[in-house]
Amino acid sequence: CEEAEKKEYRVWSPFRSKLAAAIARGVDNCYVKPGAKVLYLGGSAGTTVSHVSDVVGPTGWVYAVEFSPRSGRDLVEMSKKRPNVVPIIEDARHPLKYRMLVPMVDCIFMDVAQ
């Protein structure tokens, strides 16, 4: 008897995530898909980043940039459970500071506080 694969089901609220809201409203071209490399600017504590990680799957990557040290700590902790997430604690306005950590990506999602 083989051990059953563990599945995790989570709510992705469109009231708490702009990307979830766009998908729920039927966005036509969503480049966040299995196998994609995503640069996520404004990763915060990583809630939506974790959902993007699930969408891109084990063959995709999420490069999550967050400026706040407090939110960045949460992002780093979340990334320890998701090997396809690369947390980057840096100011998204200065890509030259983190350019060596991010390869060419398929899409950029920006959720940066003003």
PDB file of N, CA and C in Angstrom:
ATOM      1  N   CYS A   1       0.846  -1.176   0.000  1.00  0.00           N
ATOM      2  CA  CYS A   1       0.000   0.000   0.000  1.00  0.00           C
ATOM      3  C   CYS A   1       0.897   1.248   0.000  1.00  0.00           C
ATOM      4  N   GLU A   2       0.760   2.058  -1.042  1.00  0.00           N
ATOM      5  CA  GLU A   2       1.557   3.280  -1.135  1.00  0.00           C
ATOM      6  C   GLU A   2       0.940   4.388  -0.295  1.00  0.00           C
ATOM      7  N   GLU A   3       1.822   5.250   0.209  1.00  0.00           N
ATOM      8  CA  GLU A   3       1.354   6.390   0.987  1.00  0.00           C
ATOM      9  C   GLU A   3       0.662   7.380   0.058  1.00  0.00           C
ATOM     10  N   ALA A   4      -0.533   7.811   0.427  1.00  0.00           N
ATOM     11  CA  ALA A   4      -1.300   8.748  -0.394  1.00  0.00           C
ATOM     12  C   ALA A   4      -0.599  10.105  -0.444  1.00  0.00           C
ATOM     13  N   GLU A   5      -0.656  10.738  -1.620  1.00  0.00           N
ATOM     14  CA  GLU A   5      -0.063  12.070  -1.757  1.00  0.00           C
ATOM     15  C   GLU A   5      -0.860  13.065  -0.934  1.00  0.00           C
ATOM     16  N   LYS A   6      -0.138  13.878  -0.172  1.00  0.00           N
ATOM     17  CA  LYS A   6      -0.773  14.884   0.674  1.00  0.00           C
ATOM     18  C   LYS A   6      -1.217  16.060  -0.175  1.00  0.00           C
ATOM     19  N   LYS A   7      -2.451  16.500   0.005  1.00  0.00           N
ATOM     20  CA  LYS A   7      -2.958  17.669  -0.710  1.00  0.00           C
ATOM     21  C   LYS A   7      -3.353  18.732   0.303  1.00  0.00           C
ATOM     22  N   GLU A   8      -3.097  19.976  -0.096  1.00  0.00           N
ATOM     23  CA  GLU A   8      -3.454  21.099   0.758  1.00  0.00           C
ATOM     24  C   GLU A   8      -4.464  21.957   0.003  1.00  0.00           C
ATOM     25  N   TYR A   9      -5.571  22.265   0.644  1.00  0.00           N
ATOM     26  CA  TYR A   9      -6.579  23.136   0.059  1.00  0.00           C
ATOM     27  C   TYR A   9      -6.642  24.409   0.892  1.00  0.00           C
ATOM     28  N   ARG A  10      -6.513  25.551   0.213  1.00  0.00           N
ATOM     29  CA  ARG A  10      -6.547  26.837   0.902  1.00  0.00           C
ATOM     30  C   ARG A  10      -7.463  27.783   0.154  1.00  0.00           C
ATOM     31  N   VAL A  11      -8.032  28.715   0.867  1.00  0.00           N
ATOM     32  CA  VAL A  11      -8.872  29.748   0.249  1.00  0.00           C
ATOM     33  C   VAL A  11      -7.961  30.857  -0.268  1.00  0.00           C
ATOM     34  N   TRP A  12      -8.186  31.258  -1.526  1.00  0.00           N
ATOM     35  CA  TRP A  12      -7.450  32.378  -2.114  1.00  0.00           C
ATOM     36  C   TRP A  12      -8.474  33.480  -2.346  1.00  0.00           C
ATOM     37  N   SER A  13      -8.605  34.354  -1.387  1.00  0.00           N
ATOM     38  CA  SER A  13      -9.676  35.345  -1.383  1.00  0.00           C
ATOM     39  C   SER A  13      -9.428  36.487  -2.368  1.00  0.00           C
ATOM     40  N   PRO A  14     -10.384  36.740  -3.271  1.00  0.00           N
ATOM     41  CA  PRO A  14     -10.258  37.877  -4.181  1.00  0.00           C
ATOM     42  C   PRO A  14     -10.416  39.218  -3.465  1.00  0.00           C
ATOM     43  N   PHE A  15     -10.825  39.186  -2.204  1.00  0.00           N
ATOM     44  CA  PHE A  15     -10.951  40.422  -1.429  1.00  0.00           C
ATOM     45  C   PHE A  15      -9.642  40.778  -0.727  1.00  0.00           C
ATOM     46  N   ARG A  16      -8.689  39.840  -0.742  1.00  0.00           N
ATOM     47  CA  ARG A  16      -7.396  40.085  -0.097  1.00  0.00           C
ATOM     48  C   ARG A  16      -6.224  40.022  -1.069  1.00  0.00           C
ATOM     49  N   SER A  17      -6.491  39.674  -2.318  1.00  0.00           N
ATOM     50  CA  SER A  17      -5.432  39.514  -3.309  1.00  0.00           C
ATOM     51  C   SER A  17      -5.879  40.088  -4.651  1.00  0.00           C
ATOM     52  N   LYS A  18      -5.106  41.037  -5.154  1.00  0.00           N
ATOM     53  CA  LYS A  18      -5.448  41.639  -6.453  1.00  0.00           C
ATOM     54  C   LYS A  18      -5.385  40.611  -7.578  1.00  0.00           C
ATOM     55  N   LEU A  19      -4.397  39.728  -7.512  1.00  0.00           N
ATOM     56  CA  LEU A  19      -4.280  38.699  -8.549  1.00  0.00           C
ATOM     57  C   LEU A  19      -5.454  37.731  -8.492  1.00  0.00           C
ATOM     58  N   ALA A  20      -5.868  37.323  -7.299  1.00  0.00           N
ATOM     59  CA  ALA A  20      -7.037  36.442  -7.167  1.00  0.00           C
ATOM     60  C   ALA A  20      -8.288  37.132  -7.698  1.00  0.00           C
ATOM     61  N   ALA A  21      -8.409  38.432  -7.444  1.00  0.00           N
ATOM     62  CA  ALA A  21      -9.562  39.189  -7.937  1.00  0.00           C
ATOM     63  C   ALA A  21      -9.574  39.221  -9.462  1.00  0.00           C
ATOM     64  N   ALA A  22      -8.410  39.431 -10.060  1.00  0.00           N
ATOM     65  CA  ALA A  22      -8.329  39.460 -11.529  1.00  0.00           C
ATOM     66  C   ALA A  22      -8.716  38.109 -12.122  1.00  0.00           C
ATOM     67  N   ILE A  23      -8.228  37.035 -11.516  1.00  0.00           N
ATOM     68  CA  ILE A  23      -8.548  35.691 -12.014  1.00  0.00           C
ATOM     69  C   ILE A  23     -10.036  35.404 -11.819  1.00  0.00           C
ATOM     70  N   ALA A  24     -10.580  35.766 -10.657  1.00  0.00           N
ATOM     71  CA  ALA A  24     -12.001  35.546 -10.383  1.00  0.00           C
ATOM     72  C   ALA A  24     -12.885  36.318 -11.359  1.00  0.00           C
ATOM     73  N   ARG A  25     -12.403  37.486 -11.804  1.00  0.00           N
ATOM     74  CA  ARG A  25     -13.181  38.302 -12.750  1.00  0.00           C
ATOM     75  C   ARG A  25     -12.945  37.891 -14.202  1.00  0.00           C
ATOM     76  N   GLY A  26     -12.129  36.859 -14.422  1.00  0.00           N
ATOM     77  CA  GLY A  26     -11.964  36.322 -15.765  1.00  0.00           C
ATOM     78  C   GLY A  26     -10.916  37.012 -16.609  1.00  0.00           C
ATOM     79  N   VAL A  27      -9.808  37.449 -16.005  1.00  0.00           N
ATOM     80  CA  VAL A  27      -8.743  38.088 -16.769  1.00  0.00           C
ATOM     81  C   VAL A  27      -8.373  37.183 -17.958  1.00  0.00           C
ATOM     82  N   ASP A  28      -8.200  37.798 -19.126  1.00  0.00           N
ATOM     83  CA  ASP A  28      -7.963  37.026 -20.352  1.00  0.00           C
ATOM     84  C   ASP A  28      -6.562  36.432 -20.427  1.00  0.00           C
ATOM     85  N   ASN A  29      -5.557  37.247 -20.226  1.00  0.00           N
ATOM     86  CA  ASN A  29      -4.176  36.796 -20.381  1.00  0.00           C
ATOM     87  C   ASN A  29      -3.467  36.802 -19.040  1.00  0.00           C
ATOM     88  N   CYS A  30      -3.468  35.674 -18.380  1.00  0.00           N
ATOM     89  CA  CYS A  30      -2.757  35.555 -17.106  1.00  0.00           C
ATOM     90  C   CYS A  30      -1.524  34.704 -17.373  1.00  0.00           C
ATOM     91  N   TYR A  31      -0.384  35.328 -17.293  1.00  0.00           N
ATOM     92  CA  TYR A  31       0.860  34.629 -17.613  1.00  0.00           C
ATOM     93  C   TYR A  31       1.424  33.875 -16.410  1.00  0.00           C
ATOM     94  N   VAL A  32       0.732  33.944 -15.280  1.00  0.00           N
ATOM     95  CA  VAL A  32       1.093  33.139 -14.120  1.00  0.00           C
ATOM     96  C   VAL A  32       0.462  31.778 -14.369  1.00  0.00           C
ATOM     97  N   LYS A  33       1.283  30.829 -14.796  1.00  0.00           N
ATOM     98  CA  LYS A  33       0.774  29.502 -15.156  1.00  0.00           C
ATOM     99  C   LYS A  33       1.854  28.461 -14.859  1.00  0.00           C
ATOM    100  N   PRO A  34       1.511  27.196 -14.914  1.00  0.00           N
ATOM    101  CA  PRO A  34       2.493  26.155 -14.602  1.00  0.00           C
ATOM    102  C   PRO A  34       3.789  26.316 -15.401  1.00  0.00           C
ATOM    103  N   GLY A  35       4.906  26.232 -14.689  1.00  0.00           N
ATOM    104  CA  GLY A  35       6.221  26.326 -15.310  1.00  0.00           C
ATOM    105  C   GLY A  35       6.752  27.732 -15.509  1.00  0.00           C
ATOM    106  N   ALA A  36       5.948  28.758 -15.207  1.00  0.00           N
ATOM    107  CA  ALA A  36       6.361  30.146 -15.439  1.00  0.00           C
ATOM    108  C   ALA A  36       7.374  30.613 -14.403  1.00  0.00           C
ATOM    109  N   LYS A  37       8.203  31.566 -14.829  1.00  0.00           N
ATOM    110  CA  LYS A  37       9.098  32.282 -13.921  1.00  0.00           C
ATOM    111  C   LYS A  37       8.472  33.654 -13.701  1.00  0.00           C
ATOM    112  N   VAL A  38       8.155  33.965 -12.440  1.00  0.00           N
ATOM    113  CA  VAL A  38       7.425  35.184 -12.105  1.00  0.00           C
ATOM    114  C   VAL A  38       8.280  36.069 -11.195  1.00  0.00           C
ATOM    115  N   LEU A  39       8.414  37.329 -11.562  1.00  0.00           N
ATOM    116  CA  LEU A  39       9.017  38.325 -10.684  1.00  0.00           C
ATOM    117  C   LEU A  39       7.855  39.023  -9.982  1.00  0.00           C
ATOM    118  N   TYR A  40       7.762  38.837  -8.679  1.00  0.00           N
ATOM    119  CA  TYR A  40       6.656  39.380  -7.899  1.00  0.00           C
ATOM    120  C   TYR A  40       7.193  40.543  -7.064  1.00  0.00           C
ATOM    121  N   LEU A  41       6.821  41.759  -7.423  1.00  0.00           N
ATOM    122  CA  LEU A  41       7.278  42.957  -6.722  1.00  0.00           C
ATOM    123  C   LEU A  41       6.242  43.345  -5.669  1.00  0.00           C
ATOM    124  N   GLY A  42       6.666  43.407  -4.421  1.00  0.00           N
ATOM    125  CA  GLY A  42       5.753  43.715  -3.327  1.00  0.00           C
ATOM    126  C   GLY A  42       5.191  42.445  -2.712  1.00  0.00           C
ATOM    127  N   GLY A  43       6.061  41.497  -2.414  1.00  0.00           N
ATOM    128  CA  GLY A  43       5.654  40.182  -1.922  1.00  0.00           C
ATOM    129  C   GLY A  43       5.029  40.169  -0.544  1.00  0.00           C
ATOM    130  N   SER A  44       5.225  41.240   0.233  1.00  0.00           N
ATOM    131  CA  SER A  44       4.702  41.348   1.592  1.00  0.00           C
ATOM    132  C   SER A  44       5.068  40.103   2.397  1.00  0.00           C
ATOM    133  N   ALA A  45       4.124  39.573   3.176  1.00  0.00           N
ATOM    134  CA  ALA A  45       4.410  38.408   4.016  1.00  0.00           C
ATOM    135  C   ALA A  45       4.361  37.106   3.227  1.00  0.00           C
ATOM    136  N   GLY A  46       3.909  37.179   1.986  1.00  0.00           N
ATOM    137  CA  GLY A  46       3.975  36.007   1.118  1.00  0.00           C
ATOM    138  C   GLY A  46       2.689  35.242   0.911  1.00  0.00           C
ATOM    139  N   THR A  47       1.552  35.776   1.331  1.00  0.00           N
ATOM    140  CA  THR A  47       0.296  35.041   1.156  1.00  0.00           C
ATOM    141  C   THR A  47      -0.010  34.806  -0.320  1.00  0.00           C
ATOM    142  N   THR A  48      -0.089  35.869  -1.103  1.00  0.00           N
ATOM    143  CA  THR A  48      -0.358  35.689  -2.531  1.00  0.00           C
ATOM    144  C   THR A  48       0.822  35.026  -3.213  1.00  0.00           C
ATOM    145  N   VAL A  49       2.039  35.319  -2.769  1.00  0.00           N
ATOM    146  CA  VAL A  49       3.228  34.671  -3.332  1.00  0.00           C
ATOM    147  C   VAL A  49       3.105  33.153  -3.191  1.00  0.00           C
ATOM    148  N   SER A  50       2.606  32.683  -2.053  1.00  0.00           N
ATOM    149  CA  SER A  50       2.470  31.233  -1.851  1.00  0.00           C
ATOM    150  C   SER A  50       1.454  30.637  -2.825  1.00  0.00           C
ATOM    151  N   HIS A  51       0.399  31.373  -3.131  1.00  0.00           N
ATOM    152  CA  HIS A  51      -0.577  30.889  -4.108  1.00  0.00           C
ATOM    153  C   HIS A  51       0.031  30.873  -5.513  1.00  0.00           C
ATOM    154  N   VAL A  52       0.800  31.904  -5.849  1.00  0.00           N
ATOM    155  CA  VAL A  52       1.488  31.927  -7.149  1.00  0.00           C
ATOM    156  C   VAL A  52       2.457  30.750  -7.224  1.00  0.00           C
ATOM    157  N   SER A  53       3.130  30.445  -6.118  1.00  0.00           N
ATOM    158  CA  SER A  53       4.023  29.291  -6.051  1.00  0.00           C
ATOM    159  C   SER A  53       3.275  28.008  -6.393  1.00  0.00           C
ATOM    160  N   ASP A  54       2.069  27.869  -5.872  1.00  0.00           N
ATOM    161  CA  ASP A  54       1.252  26.692  -6.180  1.00  0.00           C
ATOM    162  C   ASP A  54       0.889  26.644  -7.660  1.00  0.00           C
ATOM    163  N   VAL A  55       0.541  27.798  -8.219  1.00  0.00           N
ATOM    164  CA  VAL A  55       0.134  27.848  -9.636  1.00  0.00           C
ATOM    165  C   VAL A  55       1.294  27.487 -10.563  1.00  0.00           C
ATOM    166  N   VAL A  56       2.481  28.059 -10.329  1.00  0.00           N
ATOM    167  CA  VAL A  56       3.614  27.789 -11.227  1.00  0.00           C
ATOM    168  C   VAL A  56       4.159  26.380 -11.026  1.00  0.00           C
ATOM    169  N   GLY A  57       3.917  25.813  -9.856  1.00  0.00           N
ATOM    170  CA  GLY A  57       4.281  24.429  -9.595  1.00  0.00           C
ATOM    171  C   GLY A  57       5.776  24.190  -9.452  1.00  0.00           C
ATOM    172  N   PRO A  58       6.164  22.919  -9.394  1.00  0.00           N
ATOM    173  CA  PRO A  58       7.562  22.574  -9.133  1.00  0.00           C
ATOM    174  C   PRO A  58       8.524  22.928 -10.258  1.00  0.00           C
ATOM    175  N   THR A  59       8.009  23.171 -11.458  1.00  0.00           N
ATOM    176  CA  THR A  59       8.897  23.548 -12.567  1.00  0.00           C
ATOM    177  C   THR A  59       8.979  25.055 -12.766  1.00  0.00           C
ATOM    178  N   GLY A  60       8.192  25.815 -12.007  1.00  0.00           N
ATOM    179  CA  GLY A  60       8.218  27.273 -12.099  1.00  0.00           C
ATOM    180  C   GLY A  60       8.967  27.882 -10.930  1.00  0.00           C
ATOM    181  N   TRP A  61       9.143  29.190 -10.998  1.00  0.00           N
ATOM    182  CA  TRP A  61       9.858  29.940  -9.954  1.00  0.00           C
ATOM    183  C   TRP A  61       9.130  31.235  -9.669  1.00  0.00           C
ATOM    184  N   VAL A  62       9.176  31.661  -8.405  1.00  0.00           N
ATOM    185  CA  VAL A  62       8.644  32.965  -8.010  1.00  0.00           C
ATOM    186  C   VAL A  62       9.772  33.710  -7.304  1.00  0.00           C
ATOM    187  N   TYR A  63      10.172  34.835  -7.875  1.00  0.00           N
ATOM    188  CA  TYR A  63      11.191  35.703  -7.293  1.00  0.00           C
ATOM    189  C   TYR A  63      10.433  36.846  -6.626  1.00  0.00           C
ATOM    190  N   ALA A  64      10.329  36.783  -5.300  1.00  0.00           N
ATOM    191  CA  ALA A  64       9.486  37.716  -4.550  1.00  0.00           C
ATOM    192  C   ALA A  64      10.333  38.797  -3.893  1.00  0.00           C
ATOM    193  N   VAL A  65      10.100  40.048  -4.289  1.00  0.00           N
ATOM    194  CA  VAL A  65      10.855  41.187  -3.766  1.00  0.00           C
ATOM    195  C   VAL A  65       9.983  41.924  -2.752  1.00  0.00           C
ATOM    196  N   GLU A  66      10.539  42.136  -1.553  1.00  0.00           N
ATOM    197  CA  GLU A  66       9.839  42.871  -0.497  1.00  0.00           C
ATOM    198  C   GLU A  66      10.837  43.776   0.209  1.00  0.00           C
ATOM    199  N   PHE A  67      10.435  45.018   0.463  1.00  0.00           N
ATOM    200  CA  PHE A  67      11.322  46.007   1.061  1.00  0.00           C
ATOM    201  C   PHE A  67      11.267  46.011   2.583  1.00  0.00           C
ATOM    202  N   SER A  68      10.100  45.794   3.157  1.00  0.00           N
ATOM    203  CA  SER A  68       9.924  45.874   4.609  1.00  0.00           C
ATOM    204  C   SER A  68      10.611  44.707   5.321  1.00  0.00           C
ATOM    205  N   PRO A  69      11.501  45.011   6.273  1.00  0.00           N
ATOM    206  CA  PRO A  69      12.170  43.918   6.997  1.00  0.00           C
ATOM    207  C   PRO A  69      11.192  43.013   7.749  1.00  0.00           C
ATOM    208  N   ARG A  70      10.141  43.584   8.319  1.00  0.00           N
ATOM    209  CA  ARG A  70       9.164  42.777   9.070  1.00  0.00           C
ATOM    210  C   ARG A  70       8.428  41.814   8.149  1.00  0.00           C
ATOM    211  N   SER A  71       7.856  42.325   7.071  1.00  0.00           N
ATOM    212  CA  SER A  71       7.171  41.456   6.115  1.00  0.00           C
ATOM    213  C   SER A  71       8.162  40.506   5.457  1.00  0.00           C
ATOM    214  N   GLY A  72       9.371  40.988   5.237  1.00  0.00           N
ATOM    215  CA  GLY A  72      10.413  40.164   4.623  1.00  0.00           C
ATOM    216  C   GLY A  72      10.737  38.936   5.453  1.00  0.00           C
ATOM    217  N   ARG A  73      10.726  39.071   6.782  1.00  0.00           N
ATOM    218  CA  ARG A  73      10.967  37.903   7.649  1.00  0.00           C
ATOM    219  C   ARG A  73       9.890  36.840   7.435  1.00  0.00           C
ATOM    220  N   ASP A  74       8.637  37.279   7.352  1.00  0.00           N
ATOM    221  CA  ASP A  74       7.543  36.338   7.108  1.00  0.00           C
ATOM    222  C   ASP A  74       7.681  35.687   5.731  1.00  0.00           C
ATOM    223  N   LEU A  75       8.074  36.483   4.747  1.00  0.00           N
ATOM    224  CA  LEU A  75       8.277  35.971   3.392  1.00  0.00           C
ATOM    225  C   LEU A  75       9.371  34.900   3.375  1.00  0.00           C
ATOM    226  N   VAL A  76      10.468  35.164   4.063  1.00  0.00           N
ATOM    227  CA  VAL A  76      11.566  34.196   4.134  1.00  0.00           C
ATOM    228  C   VAL A  76      11.094  32.907   4.808  1.00  0.00           C
ATOM    229  N   GLU A  77      10.345  33.025   5.901  1.00  0.00           N
ATOM    230  CA  GLU A  77       9.828  31.835   6.594  1.00  0.00           C
ATOM    231  C   GLU A  77       8.917  31.020   5.679  1.00  0.00           C
ATOM    232  N   MET A  78       8.023  31.693   4.962  1.00  0.00           N
ATOM    233  CA  MET A  78       7.120  30.992   4.047  1.00  0.00           C
ATOM    234  C   MET A  78       7.921  30.274   2.968  1.00  0.00           C
ATOM    235  N   SER A  79       8.985  30.920   2.467  1.00  0.00           N
ATOM    236  CA  SER A  79       9.763  30.340   1.364  1.00  0.00           C
ATOM    237  C   SER A  79      10.510  29.074   1.777  1.00  0.00           C
ATOM    238  N   LYS A  80      10.716  28.885   3.067  1.00  0.00           N
ATOM    239  CA  LYS A  80      11.385  27.665   3.539  1.00  0.00           C
ATOM    240  C   LYS A  80      10.547  26.420   3.265  1.00  0.00           C
ATOM    241  N   LYS A  81       9.228  26.602   3.147  1.00  0.00           N
ATOM    242  CA  LYS A  81       8.327  25.484   2.867  1.00  0.00           C
ATOM    243  C   LYS A  81       8.036  25.341   1.377  1.00  0.00           C
ATOM    244  N   ARG A  82       8.507  26.303   0.585  1.00  0.00           N
ATOM    245  CA  ARG A  82       8.217  26.292  -0.855  1.00  0.00           C
ATOM    246  C   ARG A  82       9.523  26.499  -1.612  1.00  0.00           C
ATOM    247  N   PRO A  83      10.097  25.415  -2.095  1.00  0.00           N
ATOM    248  CA  PRO A  83      11.420  25.500  -2.736  1.00  0.00           C
ATOM    249  C   PRO A  83      11.458  26.293  -4.041  1.00  0.00           C
ATOM    250  N   ASN A  84      10.309  26.614  -4.606  1.00  0.00           N
ATOM    251  CA  ASN A  84      10.294  27.386  -5.851  1.00  0.00           C
ATOM    252  C   ASN A  84      10.113  28.886  -5.614  1.00  0.00           C
ATOM    253  N   VAL A  85      10.233  29.336  -4.360  1.00  0.00           N
ATOM    254  CA  VAL A  85      10.138  30.761  -4.034  1.00  0.00           C
ATOM    255  C   VAL A  85      11.516  31.262  -3.609  1.00  0.00           C
ATOM    256  N   VAL A  86      11.951  32.351  -4.251  1.00  0.00           N
ATOM    257  CA  VAL A  86      13.217  32.997  -3.906  1.00  0.00           C
ATOM    258  C   VAL A  86      12.875  34.348  -3.280  1.00  0.00           C
ATOM    259  N   PRO A  87      13.016  34.472  -1.946  1.00  0.00           N
ATOM    260  CA  PRO A  87      12.705  35.757  -1.306  1.00  0.00           C
ATOM    261  C   PRO A  87      13.877  36.726  -1.483  1.00  0.00           C
ATOM    262  N   ILE A  88      13.552  37.964  -1.812  1.00  0.00           N
ATOM    263  CA  ILE A  88      14.571  39.000  -2.001  1.00  0.00           C
ATOM    264  C   ILE A  88      14.147  40.210  -1.178  1.00  0.00           C
ATOM    265  N   ILE A  89      14.919  40.511  -0.138  1.00  0.00           N
ATOM    266  CA  ILE A  89      14.590  41.648   0.722  1.00  0.00           C
ATOM    267  C   ILE A  89      15.358  42.856   0.196  1.00  0.00           C
ATOM    268  N   GLU A  90      14.668  43.632  -0.618  1.00  0.00           N
ATOM    269  CA  GLU A  90      15.297  44.775  -1.292  1.00  0.00           C
ATOM    270  C   GLU A  90      14.194  45.718  -1.773  1.00  0.00           C
ATOM    271  N   ASP A  91      14.573  46.930  -2.105  1.00  0.00           N
ATOM    272  CA  ASP A  91      13.643  47.932  -2.629  1.00  0.00           C
ATOM    273  C   ASP A  91      13.377  47.633  -4.101  1.00  0.00           C
ATOM    274  N   ALA A  92      12.134  47.357  -4.436  1.00  0.00           N
ATOM    275  CA  ALA A  92      11.762  47.013  -5.810  1.00  0.00           C
ATOM    276  C   ALA A  92      12.090  48.136  -6.799  1.00  0.00           C
ATOM    277  N   ARG A  93      12.226  49.356  -6.305  1.00  0.00           N
ATOM    278  CA  ARG A  93      12.539  50.499  -7.178  1.00  0.00           C
ATOM    279  C   ARG A  93      13.985  50.497  -7.653  1.00  0.00           C
ATOM    280  N   HIS A  94      14.803  49.598  -7.103  1.00  0.00           N
ATOM    281  CA  HIS A  94      16.222  49.555  -7.456  1.00  0.00           C
ATOM    282  C   HIS A  94      16.615  48.163  -7.970  1.00  0.00           C
ATOM    283  N   PRO A  95      16.153  47.815  -9.161  1.00  0.00           N
ATOM    284  CA  PRO A  95      16.412  46.459  -9.674  1.00  0.00           C
ATOM    285  C   PRO A  95      17.890  46.132  -9.863  1.00  0.00           C
ATOM    286  N   LEU A  96      18.731  47.133  -9.983  1.00  0.00           N
ATOM    287  CA  LEU A  96      20.161  46.845 -10.139  1.00  0.00           C
ATOM    288  C   LEU A  96      20.726  46.171  -8.890  1.00  0.00           C
ATOM    289  N   LYS A  97      20.071  46.365  -7.752  1.00  0.00           N
ATOM    290  CA  LYS A  97      20.552  45.773  -6.505  1.00  0.00           C
ATOM    291  C   LYS A  97      20.240  44.280  -6.411  1.00  0.00           C
ATOM    292  N   TYR A  98      19.250  43.797  -7.149  1.00  0.00           N
ATOM    293  CA  TYR A  98      18.892  42.373  -7.066  1.00  0.00           C
ATOM    294  C   TYR A  98      18.906  41.670  -8.425  1.00  0.00           C
ATOM    295  N   ARG A  99      19.433  42.340  -9.422  1.00  0.00           N
ATOM    296  CA  ARG A  99      19.411  41.787 -10.780  1.00  0.00           C
ATOM    297  C   ARG A  99      20.159  40.463 -10.914  1.00  0.00           C
ATOM    298  N   MET A 100      21.182  40.249 -10.095  1.00  0.00           N
ATOM    299  CA  MET A 100      21.968  39.023 -10.198  1.00  0.00           C
ATOM    300  C   MET A 100      21.226  37.810  -9.625  1.00  0.00           C
ATOM    301  N   LEU A 101      20.147  38.048  -8.905  1.00  0.00           N
ATOM    302  CA  LEU A 101      19.374  36.955  -8.307  1.00  0.00           C
ATOM    303  C   LEU A 101      18.208  36.508  -9.173  1.00  0.00           C
ATOM    304  N   VAL A 102      17.875  37.319 -10.181  1.00  0.00           N
ATOM    305  CA  VAL A 102      16.676  37.064 -10.975  1.00  0.00           C
ATOM    306  C   VAL A 102      17.051  36.855 -12.443  1.00  0.00           C
ATOM    307  N   PRO A 103      16.727  35.693 -13.002  1.00  0.00           N
ATOM    308  CA  PRO A 103      16.981  35.475 -14.433  1.00  0.00           C
ATOM    309  C   PRO A 103      15.891  36.145 -15.271  1.00  0.00           C
ATOM    310  N   MET A 104      15.899  35.916 -16.559  1.00  0.00           N
ATOM    311  CA  MET A 104      14.796  36.384 -17.404  1.00  0.00           C
ATOM    312  C   MET A 104      13.521  35.716 -16.908  1.00  0.00           C
ATOM    313  N   VAL A 105      12.454  36.484 -16.821  1.00  0.00           N
ATOM    314  CA  VAL A 105      11.187  35.947 -16.323  1.00  0.00           C
ATOM    315  C   VAL A 105      10.121  36.002 -17.405  1.00  0.00           C
ATOM    316  N   ASP A 106       9.062  35.236 -17.194  1.00  0.00           N
ATOM    317  CA  ASP A 106       7.938  35.211 -18.131  1.00  0.00           C
ATOM    318  C   ASP A 106       6.958  36.339 -17.862  1.00  0.00           C
ATOM    319  N   CYS A 107       6.857  36.749 -16.598  1.00  0.00           N
ATOM    320  CA  CYS A 107       5.959  37.852 -16.276  1.00  0.00           C
ATOM    321  C   CYS A 107       6.383  38.541 -14.985  1.00  0.00           C
ATOM    322  N   ILE A 108       5.909  39.764 -14.849  1.00  0.00           N
ATOM    323  CA  ILE A 108       6.151  40.566 -13.650  1.00  0.00           C
ATOM    324  C   ILE A 108       4.784  40.921 -13.074  1.00  0.00           C
ATOM    325  N   PHE A 109       4.627  40.666 -11.784  1.00  0.00           N
ATOM    326  CA  PHE A 109       3.412  41.094 -11.097  1.00  0.00           C
ATOM    327  C   PHE A 109       3.843  42.108 -10.043  1.00  0.00           C
ATOM    328  N   MET A 110       3.174  43.247 -10.019  1.00  0.00           N
ATOM    329  CA  MET A 110       3.572  44.315  -9.103  1.00  0.00           C
ATOM    330  C   MET A 110       2.422  44.654  -8.153  1.00  0.00           C
ATOM    331  N   ASP A 111       2.695  44.552  -6.867  1.00  0.00           N
ATOM    332  CA  ASP A 111       1.749  44.912  -5.827  1.00  0.00           C
ATOM    333  C   ASP A 111       2.508  45.711  -4.777  1.00  0.00           C
ATOM    334  N   VAL A 112       3.031  46.860  -5.204  1.00  0.00           N
ATOM    335  CA  VAL A 112       3.904  47.676  -4.369  1.00  0.00           C
ATOM    336  C   VAL A 112       3.109  48.819  -3.757  1.00  0.00           C
ATOM    337  N   ALA A 113       3.252  48.997  -2.437  1.00  0.00           N
ATOM    338  CA  ALA A 113       2.600  50.116  -1.758  1.00  0.00           C
ATOM    339  C   ALA A 113       3.253  51.432  -2.200  1.00  0.00           C
ATOM    340  N   GLN A 114       2.445  52.446  -2.327  1.00  0.00           N
ATOM    341  CA  GLN A 114       2.954  53.745  -2.772  1.00  0.00           C
ATOM    342  C   GLN A 114       3.352  54.594  -1.598  1.00  0.00           C
TER     343      GLN A 114
END
